[in-house]
Amino acid sequence: MPKFIKPFRGVPEGEIYPKQFEAGDECPPELEDGARAMKALEKPSKSAKADDQTAAGEANPVDEPAADADLK
């Protein structure tokens, strides 16, 4: 889980009120996109990025024909 490099305010999953995160706190997965857009997250290391892509199935994409390709 990436860590914040500056203060960030966000609403974690299951909560209704925002929480103030400080530098060094771990970022919940549901807030990563917003925190990354605000440049509030540490830059991922190359090995961490490779691990994330492998876990998400992005490392070796398979080209498959679209399901509706034969509908012409």
Protein backbone atom coordinates (compact mmCIF):
# COMPACT_ATOMS: atom_id res chain seq x y z
CA MET A 1 0.00 0.00 0.00
CA PRO A 2 1.50 3.38 -0.96
CA LYS A 3 2.09 6.05 1.67
CA PHE A 4 1.15 9.70 1.65
CA ILE A 5 3.94 12.23 1.17
CA LYS A 6 1.81 15.21 2.22
CA PRO A 7 -1.45 15.74 4.13
CA PHE A 8 -4.56 14.47 2.34
CA ARG A 9 -8.23 14.54 3.29
CA GLY A 10 -10.53 11.79 2.06
CA VAL A 11 -13.45 9.55 3.03
CA PRO A 12 -12.36 5.92 3.50
CA GLU A 13 -14.72 3.15 2.41
CA GLY A 14 -17.43 2.50 4.98
CA GLU A 15 -17.09 5.96 6.55
CA ILE A 16 -19.34 8.99 6.12
CA TYR A 17 -16.97 11.71 7.31
CA PRO A 18 -13.61 12.67 5.81
CA LYS A 19 -10.43 11.72 7.58
CA GLN A 20 -7.23 13.76 7.62
CA PHE A 21 -4.27 11.62 6.58
CA GLU A 22 -0.73 12.81 7.34
CA ALA A 23 2.54 12.21 5.51
CA GLY A 24 3.71 8.67 6.22
CA ASP A 25 0.20 7.23 6.67
CA GLU A 26 -0.78 4.35 4.39
CA CYS A 27 -3.30 5.23 1.68
CA PRO A 28 -6.44 3.08 1.51
CA PRO A 29 -6.89 1.53 -1.97
CA GLU A 30 -10.16 3.37 -2.59
CA LEU A 31 -8.41 6.75 -2.18
CA GLU A 32 -5.33 6.01 -4.30
CA ASP A 33 -6.65 7.55 -7.55
CA GLY A 34 -7.61 10.82 -5.89
CA ALA A 35 -4.42 11.01 -3.85
CA ARG A 36 -2.34 10.27 -6.94
CA ALA A 37 -4.15 13.04 -8.85
CA MET A 38 -3.28 15.46 -6.05
CA LYS A 39 0.34 14.21 -6.07
CA ALA A 40 -0.03 13.19 -2.42
CA LEU A 41 1.40 9.66 -2.82
CA GLU A 42 4.95 8.44 -2.93
CA LYS A 43 6.14 7.36 -6.35
CA PRO A 44 5.88 3.57 -6.67
CA SER A 45 9.10 1.65 -7.02
CA LYS A 46 9.60 -0.30 -10.25
CA SER A 47 9.28 -3.63 -8.46
CA ALA A 48 6.04 -2.58 -6.74
CA LYS A 49 4.59 -1.44 -10.06
CA ALA A 50 5.52 -4.76 -11.70
CA ASP A 51 3.89 -6.64 -8.81
CA ASP A 52 0.71 -4.57 -9.16
CA GLN A 53 0.50 -5.21 -12.90
CA THR A 54 1.02 -8.94 -12.44
CA ALA A 55 -1.66 -9.08 -9.73
CA ALA A 56 -4.08 -7.16 -11.94
CA GLY A 57 -3.37 -9.41 -14.92
CA GLU A 58 -1.88 -6.55 -16.95
CA ALA A 59 1.62 -7.95 -17.38
CA ASN A 60 0.71 -10.22 -20.33
CA PRO A 61 -2.43 -8.94 -22.01
CA VAL A 62 -4.14 -11.32 -24.43
CA ASP A 63 -5.62 -9.95 -27.62
CA GLU A 64 -9.06 -11.47 -27.97
CA PRO A 65 -11.58 -10.56 -30.65
CA ALA A 66 -14.49 -8.46 -29.50
CA ALA A 67 -17.61 -10.45 -28.65
CA ASP A 68 -19.69 -8.48 -31.16
CA ALA A 69 -17.15 -8.71 -34.02
CA ASP A 70 -19.27 -11.29 -35.91
CA LEU A 71 -22.48 -9.24 -35.81
CA LYS A 72 -21.95 -7.43 -39.13
